[in-house]
Amino acid sequence: MTARRDRPRRSLPPEVRELIALHDSSRISRRSLFRGAGGLGAAALLAACGTPGTGGAAATAGPTASAAPTAAGPAPAQDVSATEKTVAWANWTLYLDYDEATKTYPTLEQFKKQSGIDASYSEDIDGNDTYYGKIQGQLANGQDIGKDIVVFTDWMAGRMVRMGYTQQLDPAAVPNAKNLRPQLQNVDFDPGRTHTLTWQSGFAGLAWSKAEVPGGLRTVSDLWKPELKGRVEVLDEWRDTVGLIMAEQGVDISSPGWGADQYAAAIDVLDEQITSGQIRQVKGNSYKEDLVSGDAVAVIGWSGDITQLNAENDDKFAFAVPDSGGTISSDNMMVPIGARHKANAEKLMDYYYDPEVAATVAAYVDYICPVVGAQEAMQRVDPSLVSDTNIFPDAATLAKVKTFRSLTPQEESDFGALFQKTVGN
């Protein structure tokens, strides 16, 4: 979507408002994706996140691992940051601290004051495939898409890098990148993090209306109960939706030991539930609006989304990782190949890797924060969130989730096509 619909947000406590005034900070609670190998320690799991299969078992899966950049791609645009003090950022919905009273993004406003750069922000991204489909033609021709920063999930970030659609970052221009968690600093889709930086990470699992589903949900199969028919929605991010179904079928989705047959078996379940009318719709981020309206009462969704919806809707919803396990992945910032304000974009990235700023964003979006030092800074932003495992997960939390292993380009094409055919696209 291109414009934010006004929705009530959690109001800023006075101490946080004061913090914003004193520093480059801003606010409170929520948002999307990370994936890691169940049963591993926290460090190993985090190493596996940042890309499907980065580190851990999937990263060593030989031919199944994502390839490093192979396409030269179009030439990067000439940078005019020195003369044009602007930067345009496209992100997912509910993914940056927002102040309902002022209708602004406080940390972004502080960045403008500090840097003198006019930063614009839009919630344009509802799904990886849909947004990529809108800009792919321009990217292939090296054209400016009108955005200097875009945010994609690991697997799509890998495609962007592999196709040569991203500009290489200047490490000297982003010194705070040193604060990226060590486990995320070297991912298979972008070795050495030369083209991308993690924005946030999070879990996919089950969510439901407490009033409409008083017994809650524990398994993916609970979504197929007769009383929920026509009121279930699942994500169009198929690594999450199909990944959860596969996990319930006993497949270790982070392992190289599964292939087309196991994927097809999960697709059969999805097809049956769509054909029968059990599943109302397959959606991107917009499933949240259907939960609020009551059109959907049970979904496969993202952890941070539900936390934010609860902040706005009197704690009406619940989220849980299925008994068979959830998924975890990261979203990543990058500069499109045709962007004309790369240096300005790098300044913005650097700003958001300041631990105090990162903590303020994490407190609002309630997704896993990738910045070292943010947990300590959270003591000053919102002490109640210092031990929040949605933001700073411990080993026990990470043991419940897995990464969807990296795919070969052929698998990605075949699996994606089968999913799209199944959902009717």
Protein backbone atom coordinates (compact mmCIF):
# COMPACT_ATOMS: atom_id res chain seq x y z
CA MET A 1 0.00 0.00 0.00
CA THR A 2 1.17 3.54 -0.60
CA ALA A 3 -0.53 5.38 2.21
CA ARG A 4 -0.99 4.61 5.88
CA ARG A 5 -4.49 4.23 7.09
CA ASP A 6 -4.81 6.04 10.39
CA ARG A 7 -5.23 3.57 13.22
CA PRO A 8 -4.93 4.20 16.95
CA ARG A 9 -1.43 3.51 18.21
CA ARG A 10 -0.09 2.96 21.67
CA SER A 11 0.62 6.40 23.11
CA LEU A 12 4.17 7.32 24.08
CA PRO A 13 4.93 7.43 27.77
CA PRO A 14 6.45 10.73 28.97
CA GLU A 15 9.86 9.22 29.62
CA VAL A 16 10.09 7.97 26.04
CA ARG A 17 9.01 11.34 24.66
CA GLU A 18 11.77 12.89 26.70
CA LEU A 19 14.21 10.35 25.33
CA ILE A 20 13.22 11.29 21.80
CA ALA A 21 13.88 14.93 22.53
CA LEU A 22 17.26 14.18 24.03
CA HIS A 23 18.40 11.61 21.51
CA ASP A 24 17.58 10.08 18.17
CA SER A 25 14.84 7.89 19.51
CA SER A 26 11.10 7.38 19.68
CA ARG A 27 8.56 4.69 20.79
CA ILE A 28 6.74 1.38 21.55
CA SER A 29 5.85 -2.25 20.37
CA ARG A 30 5.89 -4.70 17.06
CA ARG A 31 6.83 -6.67 13.42
CA SER A 32 8.34 -9.51 10.64
CA LEU A 33 10.52 -12.68 10.14
CA PHE A 34 13.68 -14.80 11.06
CA ARG A 35 14.23 -18.60 10.75
CA GLY A 36 16.51 -21.02 12.64
CA ALA A 37 17.29 -24.68 13.30
CA GLY A 38 15.27 -26.14 16.16
CA GLY A 39 17.24 -27.72 18.94
CA LEU A 40 20.27 -25.54 18.30
CA GLY A 41 21.59 -23.07 20.81
CA ALA A 42 20.65 -19.42 20.51
CA ALA A 43 23.88 -18.45 18.74
CA ALA A 44 23.60 -21.27 16.22
CA LEU A 45 19.94 -20.51 15.58
CA LEU A 46 20.61 -16.82 15.03
CA ALA A 47 23.41 -17.79 12.68
CA ALA A 48 20.85 -19.74 10.70
CA CYS A 49 18.63 -16.67 10.53
CA GLY A 50 19.21 -13.77 8.24
CA THR A 51 18.64 -16.12 5.37
CA PRO A 52 16.85 -19.39 4.93
CA GLY A 53 19.65 -21.79 5.80
CA THR A 54 22.40 -19.32 6.59
CA GLY A 55 24.77 -21.06 8.91
CA GLY A 56 23.62 -24.28 10.57
CA ALA A 57 22.59 -27.32 8.63
CA ALA A 58 20.95 -25.60 5.70
CA ALA A 59 23.93 -23.39 5.05
CA THR A 60 26.09 -26.44 4.59
CA ALA A 61 23.61 -28.15 2.36
CA GLY A 62 25.85 -28.01 -0.67
CA PRO A 63 23.79 -27.70 -3.85
CA THR A 64 20.72 -26.51 -1.98
CA ALA A 65 22.42 -23.42 -0.56
CA SER A 66 21.62 -20.06 -2.12
CA ALA A 67 24.17 -18.95 -4.65
CA ALA A 68 26.31 -15.89 -4.10
CA PRO A 69 25.81 -12.99 -6.54
CA THR A 70 26.20 -14.32 -10.07
CA ALA A 71 24.64 -11.67 -12.27
CA ALA A 72 26.54 -8.54 -13.11
CA GLY A 73 23.25 -6.72 -13.53
CA PRO A 74 22.82 -3.16 -14.77
CA ALA A 75 25.24 -0.44 -13.73
CA PRO A 76 24.40 1.45 -10.53
CA ALA A 77 22.92 4.92 -10.89
CA GLN A 78 25.00 8.03 -10.40
CA ASP A 79 24.72 9.17 -6.78
CA VAL A 80 23.40 12.72 -6.45
CA SER A 81 23.20 12.71 -2.64
CA ALA A 82 25.63 15.60 -2.40
CA THR A 83 23.22 17.93 -4.17
CA GLU A 84 19.85 16.31 -3.41
CA LYS A 85 19.31 15.88 0.33
CA THR A 86 16.48 13.37 0.07
CA VAL A 87 15.97 9.67 0.66
CA ALA A 88 12.87 7.56 -0.02
CA TRP A 89 12.22 4.34 1.88
CA ALA A 90 9.68 1.59 1.09
CA ASN A 91 8.84 -0.82 3.89
CA TRP A 92 6.16 -3.21 5.16
CA THR A 93 3.15 -2.06 7.17
CA LEU A 94 3.45 -1.34 10.90
CA TYR A 95 7.23 -1.63 10.70
CA LEU A 96 8.46 1.68 12.11
CA ASP A 97 7.66 3.58 15.30
CA TYR A 98 4.64 5.82 14.73
CA ASP A 99 3.07 8.54 16.88
CA GLU A 100 -0.67 8.71 16.35
CA ALA A 101 -0.89 12.13 18.01
CA THR A 102 1.49 13.81 15.56
CA LYS A 103 0.94 11.43 12.62
CA THR A 104 4.71 11.09 12.28
CA TYR A 105 7.45 8.51 12.69
CA PRO A 106 9.45 9.96 15.61
CA THR A 107 12.79 8.31 14.90
CA LEU A 108 12.57 9.32 11.25
CA GLU A 109 11.75 12.89 12.24
CA GLN A 110 14.82 12.93 14.47
CA PHE A 111 16.93 11.60 11.59
CA LYS A 112 15.76 14.50 9.43
CA LYS A 113 16.77 17.00 12.10
CA GLN A 114 20.15 15.42 12.69
CA SER A 115 21.11 14.83 9.07
CA GLY A 116 19.38 17.63 7.18
CA ILE A 117 18.08 14.94 4.79
CA ASP A 118 14.39 14.97 3.86
CA ALA A 119 13.40 11.34 4.40
CA SER A 120 10.10 10.00 3.06
CA TYR A 121 8.60 6.71 4.18
CA SER A 122 5.86 4.58 2.61
CA GLU A 123 4.24 1.27 3.55
CA ASP A 124 4.34 0.02 -0.02
CA ILE A 125 5.25 -3.62 0.63
CA ASP A 126 2.46 -6.11 1.30
CA GLY A 127 4.35 -9.18 0.10
CA ASN A 128 7.74 -10.02 -1.38
CA ASP A 129 6.46 -11.40 -4.69
CA THR A 130 3.87 -8.68 -5.24
CA TYR A 131 6.25 -5.80 -4.64
CA TYR A 132 9.07 -7.41 -6.61
CA GLY A 133 6.66 -7.97 -9.47
CA LYS A 134 5.90 -4.26 -9.57
CA ILE A 135 9.54 -3.15 -9.75
CA GLN A 136 11.37 -6.02 -11.45
CA GLY A 137 11.16 -4.56 -14.95
CA GLN A 138 12.64 -1.26 -13.85
CA LEU A 139 15.33 -3.01 -11.84
CA ALA A 140 16.34 -5.11 -14.84
CA ASN A 141 16.78 -1.93 -16.88
CA GLY A 142 18.69 -0.15 -14.13
CA GLN A 143 15.93 2.42 -13.75
CA ASP A 144 15.11 4.42 -10.64
CA ILE A 145 12.04 2.92 -8.94
CA GLY A 146 11.60 6.06 -6.84
CA LYS A 147 12.90 4.37 -3.68
CA ASP A 148 16.41 4.53 -2.25
CA ILE A 149 15.82 1.79 0.31
CA VAL A 150 13.58 -1.26 0.00
CA VAL A 151 13.07 -4.09 2.50
CA PHE A 152 12.81 -7.72 1.46
CA THR A 153 12.76 -11.04 3.30
CA ASP A 154 15.92 -13.18 3.16
CA TRP A 155 15.05 -15.28 0.14
CA MET A 156 13.94 -12.32 -1.95
CA ALA A 157 16.92 -10.30 -0.76
CA GLY A 158 19.03 -13.16 -2.06
CA ARG A 159 17.36 -12.92 -5.46
CA MET A 160 17.91 -9.16 -5.56
CA VAL A 161 21.60 -9.58 -4.82
CA ARG A 162 22.02 -12.54 -7.17
CA MET A 163 20.40 -10.66 -10.05
CA GLY A 164 22.60 -7.62 -9.56
CA TYR A 165 19.66 -5.40 -8.58
CA THR A 166 21.29 -3.90 -5.49
CA GLN A 167 24.11 -1.43 -5.00
CA GLN A 168 27.16 -2.32 -2.94
CA LEU A 169 27.27 -0.56 0.40
CA ASP A 170 30.27 1.48 1.52
CA PRO A 171 31.36 0.14 4.95
CA ALA A 172 32.91 3.50 5.82
CA ALA A 173 29.54 5.16 5.31
CA VAL A 174 27.75 2.77 7.67
CA PRO A 175 30.10 2.49 10.67
CA ASN A 176 27.27 1.40 12.98
CA ALA A 177 26.93 -1.76 10.89
CA LYS A 178 29.49 -3.12 13.34
CA ASN A 179 26.54 -3.39 15.72
CA LEU A 180 24.87 -6.06 13.58
CA ARG A 181 24.66 -9.26 15.59
CA PRO A 182 27.69 -11.42 14.79
CA GLN A 183 25.45 -14.33 13.77
CA LEU A 184 23.94 -12.17 11.00
CA GLN A 185 27.11 -10.65 9.63
CA ASN A 186 27.84 -13.34 7.06
CA VAL A 187 24.79 -14.79 5.32
CA ASP A 188 24.82 -17.09 2.33
CA PHE A 189 22.78 -14.77 0.08
CA ASP A 190 25.11 -11.83 0.80
CA PRO A 191 28.51 -12.95 2.08
CA GLY A 192 30.06 -10.28 4.25
CA ARG A 193 26.89 -8.17 4.09
CA THR A 194 28.16 -6.12 1.17
CA HIS A 195 24.70 -5.31 -0.20
CA THR A 196 22.16 -5.73 2.62
CA LEU A 197 21.58 -5.08 6.31
CA THR A 198 19.01 -6.78 8.51
CA TRP A 199 16.04 -4.60 9.43
CA GLN A 200 14.08 -6.86 11.81
CA SER A 201 13.41 -10.57 12.28
CA GLY A 202 10.44 -12.54 13.58
CA PHE A 203 8.33 -15.67 13.86
CA ALA A 204 5.45 -17.08 11.81
CA GLY A 205 2.86 -19.15 13.63
CA LEU A 206 -0.82 -19.32 14.53
CA ALA A 207 -2.99 -16.36 15.53
CA TRP A 208 -6.64 -16.13 16.46
CA SER A 209 -9.43 -14.07 17.92
CA LYS A 210 -9.77 -14.91 21.61
CA ALA A 211 -13.52 -14.31 21.52
CA GLU A 212 -14.19 -16.38 18.41
CA VAL A 213 -11.71 -19.18 19.15
CA PRO A 214 -11.86 -19.44 22.96
CA GLY A 215 -10.06 -22.77 23.02
CA GLY A 216 -7.11 -21.35 21.11
CA LEU A 217 -4.96 -23.11 18.52
CA ARG A 218 -2.09 -25.52 19.13
CA THR A 219 -1.59 -27.22 15.77
CA VAL A 220 -1.89 -26.26 12.13
CA SER A 221 -4.65 -28.85 11.83
CA ASP A 222 -6.67 -26.84 14.33
CA LEU A 223 -7.20 -24.34 11.51
CA TRP A 224 -9.17 -26.99 9.64
CA LYS A 225 -11.85 -27.43 12.32
CA PRO A 226 -15.38 -27.29 10.84
CA GLU A 227 -16.46 -24.38 13.00
CA LEU A 228 -13.73 -22.19 11.44
CA LYS A 229 -14.74 -22.85 7.83
CA GLY A 230 -14.52 -19.75 5.66
CA ARG A 231 -12.89 -17.71 8.41
CA VAL A 232 -9.28 -18.88 8.08
CA GLU A 233 -6.54 -17.01 6.25
CA VAL A 234 -2.95 -18.01 5.54
CA LEU A 235 0.09 -16.07 4.39
CA ASP A 236 1.09 -15.69 0.76
CA GLU A 237 4.68 -16.07 1.94
CA TRP A 238 4.73 -19.75 1.07
CA ARG A 239 7.85 -20.56 3.03
CA ASP A 240 5.81 -19.73 6.12
CA THR A 241 2.45 -21.25 5.17
CA VAL A 242 3.76 -24.39 3.48
CA GLY A 243 6.64 -24.56 5.94
CA LEU A 244 4.25 -24.82 8.90
CA ILE A 245 2.24 -27.54 7.15
CA MET A 246 5.41 -29.46 6.31
CA ALA A 247 6.61 -29.20 9.90
CA GLU A 248 3.32 -30.71 11.10
CA GLN A 249 3.87 -33.55 8.64
CA GLY A 250 7.17 -34.31 10.35
CA VAL A 251 9.51 -32.61 7.87
CA ASP A 252 12.55 -30.78 9.20
CA ILE A 253 12.22 -27.74 6.97
CA SER A 254 15.75 -26.55 7.80
CA SER A 255 17.32 -29.82 6.64
CA PRO A 256 18.61 -30.61 3.13
CA GLY A 257 16.97 -34.01 3.44
CA TRP A 258 13.62 -33.10 1.90
CA GLY A 259 12.60 -32.24 -1.63
CA ALA A 260 9.75 -31.95 -4.12
CA ASP A 261 7.75 -34.90 -2.78
CA GLN A 262 7.54 -33.51 0.75
CA TYR A 263 6.71 -30.05 -0.54
CA ALA A 264 3.96 -31.48 -2.78
CA ALA A 265 2.45 -33.37 0.15
CA ALA A 266 2.04 -30.11 2.06
CA ILE A 267 0.65 -28.39 -1.02
CA ASP A 268 -1.99 -31.14 -1.24
CA VAL A 269 -3.21 -30.16 2.23
CA LEU A 270 -3.30 -26.49 1.30
CA ASP A 271 -5.16 -27.25 -1.93
CA GLU A 272 -7.77 -29.31 -0.09
CA GLN A 273 -8.43 -26.54 2.43
CA ILE A 274 -8.70 -23.86 -0.26
CA THR A 275 -10.94 -25.96 -2.50
CA SER A 276 -13.25 -26.87 0.38
CA GLY A 277 -13.68 -23.23 1.37
CA GLN A 278 -12.02 -23.72 4.73
CA ILE A 279 -9.45 -21.07 3.85
CA ARG A 280 -11.09 -17.73 3.11
CA GLN A 281 -8.10 -16.07 1.49
CA VAL A 282 -4.33 -16.28 1.04
CA LYS A 283 -2.92 -12.84 1.82
CA GLY A 284 0.11 -10.73 2.57
CA ASN A 285 0.23 -8.22 5.40
CA SER A 286 -3.40 -7.26 4.85
CA TYR A 287 -4.62 -10.31 6.79
CA LYS A 288 -4.40 -8.04 9.84
CA GLU A 289 -7.34 -5.92 8.69
CA ASP A 290 -9.47 -9.06 8.30
CA LEU A 291 -8.70 -10.12 11.85
CA VAL A 292 -9.78 -6.71 13.10
CA SER A 293 -12.97 -6.70 11.02
CA GLY A 294 -13.83 -10.26 12.05
CA ASP A 295 -13.82 -11.58 8.48
CA ALA A 296 -11.00 -13.86 9.62
CA VAL A 297 -10.79 -15.37 13.10
CA ALA A 298 -7.85 -17.75 12.74
CA VAL A 299 -4.72 -17.27 10.62
CA ILE A 300 -1.16 -18.18 9.90
CA GLY A 301 0.46 -14.86 10.74
CA TRP A 302 3.49 -13.06 12.11
CA SER A 303 4.27 -12.58 15.79
CA GLY A 304 4.92 -8.86 15.79
CA ASP A 305 1.77 -8.10 13.81
CA ILE A 306 -0.37 -9.67 16.50
CA THR A 307 1.38 -7.81 19.30
CA GLN A 308 0.72 -4.54 17.50
CA LEU A 309 -2.91 -5.43 16.78
CA ASN A 310 -3.39 -6.16 20.46
CA ALA A 311 -1.96 -2.76 21.38
CA GLU A 312 -4.58 -1.18 19.13
CA ASN A 313 -7.51 -3.50 19.86
CA ASP A 314 -7.61 -4.17 23.60
CA ASP A 315 -5.69 -7.45 23.51
CA LYS A 316 -8.30 -9.28 21.43
CA PHE A 317 -5.90 -11.69 19.71
CA ALA A 318 -3.45 -14.43 20.61
CA PHE A 319 -0.34 -15.84 18.91
CA ALA A 320 1.43 -19.14 19.39
CA VAL A 321 4.10 -21.19 17.71
CA PRO A 322 2.50 -24.52 16.70
CA ASP A 323 3.43 -27.60 18.70
CA SER A 324 5.25 -28.90 15.62
CA GLY A 325 7.27 -25.68 15.33
CA GLY A 326 7.20 -22.29 13.65
CA THR A 327 9.35 -20.47 11.13
CA ILE A 328 11.77 -17.62 11.63
CA SER A 329 13.41 -15.24 9.12
CA SER A 330 14.69 -11.70 8.58
CA ASP A 331 13.79 -8.68 6.49
CA ASN A 332 16.68 -6.76 4.99
CA MET A 333 17.37 -3.20 3.84
CA MET A 334 19.06 -2.64 0.48
CA VAL A 335 19.65 0.12 -2.07
CA PRO A 336 18.07 -0.64 -5.49
CA ILE A 337 20.43 -0.51 -8.45
CA GLY A 338 18.78 2.59 -9.96
CA ALA A 339 18.53 4.57 -6.70
CA ARG A 340 20.10 8.01 -6.98
CA HIS A 341 20.64 8.76 -3.28
CA LYS A 342 22.84 5.91 -2.08
CA ALA A 343 24.94 7.98 0.34
CA ASN A 344 21.79 9.38 1.92
CA ALA A 345 20.40 5.86 2.23
CA GLU A 346 23.59 4.71 3.92
CA LYS A 347 23.31 7.55 6.45
CA LEU A 348 19.78 6.43 7.27
CA MET A 349 20.88 2.80 7.65
CA ASP A 350 23.70 3.88 9.92
CA TYR A 351 21.31 5.90 12.06
CA TYR A 352 19.00 2.94 12.62
CA TYR A 353 21.93 0.79 13.75
CA ASP A 354 22.48 3.07 16.72
CA PRO A 355 21.44 0.87 19.69
CA GLU A 356 19.23 3.57 21.24
CA VAL A 357 17.35 4.12 18.01
CA ALA A 358 17.15 0.39 17.31
CA ALA A 359 15.69 -0.22 20.77
CA THR A 360 13.06 2.46 20.22
CA VAL A 361 11.98 0.88 16.94
CA ALA A 362 11.99 -2.61 18.45
CA ALA A 363 9.82 -1.43 21.33
CA TYR A 364 7.18 -0.36 18.83
CA VAL A 365 7.36 -3.11 16.22
CA ASP A 366 7.99 -5.95 18.69
CA TYR A 367 10.11 -8.01 16.30
CA ILE A 368 13.54 -9.48 16.90
CA CYS A 369 16.09 -6.66 17.00
CA PRO A 370 19.33 -7.30 15.06
CA VAL A 371 21.41 -4.61 16.80
CA VAL A 372 23.94 -5.38 19.51
CA GLY A 373 23.47 -3.02 22.44
CA ALA A 374 19.76 -2.54 21.87
CA GLN A 375 18.79 -4.74 24.80
CA GLU A 376 20.82 -2.57 27.16
CA ALA A 377 19.36 0.56 25.57
CA MET A 378 15.86 -0.87 26.07
CA GLN A 379 16.37 -0.35 29.79
CA ARG A 380 16.08 3.37 29.08
CA VAL A 381 13.39 3.11 26.40
CA ASP A 382 10.99 0.65 28.05
CA PRO A 383 12.37 -1.48 30.90
CA SER A 384 9.38 -3.81 30.70
CA LEU A 385 10.61 -5.08 27.33
CA VAL A 386 14.21 -5.92 28.27
CA SER A 387 13.28 -9.57 28.81
CA ASP A 388 10.67 -9.74 26.01
CA THR A 389 11.57 -12.87 24.02
CA ASN A 390 9.73 -11.57 20.95
CA ILE A 391 12.43 -8.89 20.72
CA PHE A 392 15.39 -10.56 22.42
CA PRO A 393 14.73 -14.32 22.08
CA ASP A 394 16.45 -16.78 24.37
CA ALA A 395 17.58 -20.30 23.50
CA ALA A 396 14.30 -21.87 24.63
CA THR A 397 12.29 -19.58 22.35
CA LEU A 398 14.56 -20.15 19.37
CA ALA A 399 14.42 -23.92 19.84
CA LYS A 400 10.73 -23.82 18.83
CA VAL A 401 11.35 -22.42 15.35
CA LYS A 402 13.28 -23.36 12.23
CA THR A 403 14.49 -21.81 9.03
CA PHE A 404 13.05 -22.88 5.71
CA ARG A 405 16.18 -24.20 4.02
CA SER A 406 17.78 -22.39 1.12
CA LEU A 407 16.54 -23.48 -2.28
CA THR A 408 18.22 -23.84 -5.62
CA PRO A 409 16.97 -21.38 -8.25
CA GLN A 410 15.11 -24.25 -9.94
CA GLU A 411 13.44 -25.30 -6.70
CA GLU A 412 12.48 -21.72 -5.96
CA SER A 413 10.88 -21.42 -9.39
CA ASP A 414 9.12 -24.79 -9.26
CA PHE A 415 7.88 -24.50 -5.68
CA GLY A 416 6.73 -20.92 -6.16
CA ALA A 417 4.86 -21.80 -9.35
CA LEU A 418 3.11 -24.72 -7.67
CA PHE A 419 2.05 -22.54 -4.75
CA GLN A 420 0.72 -19.81 -7.03
CA LYS A 421 -1.22 -22.35 -9.07
CA THR A 422 -2.69 -23.78 -5.88
CA VAL A 423 -3.84 -20.44 -4.52
CA GLY A 424 -5.31 -19.46 -7.89
CA ASN A 425 -2.81 -16.85 -9.09
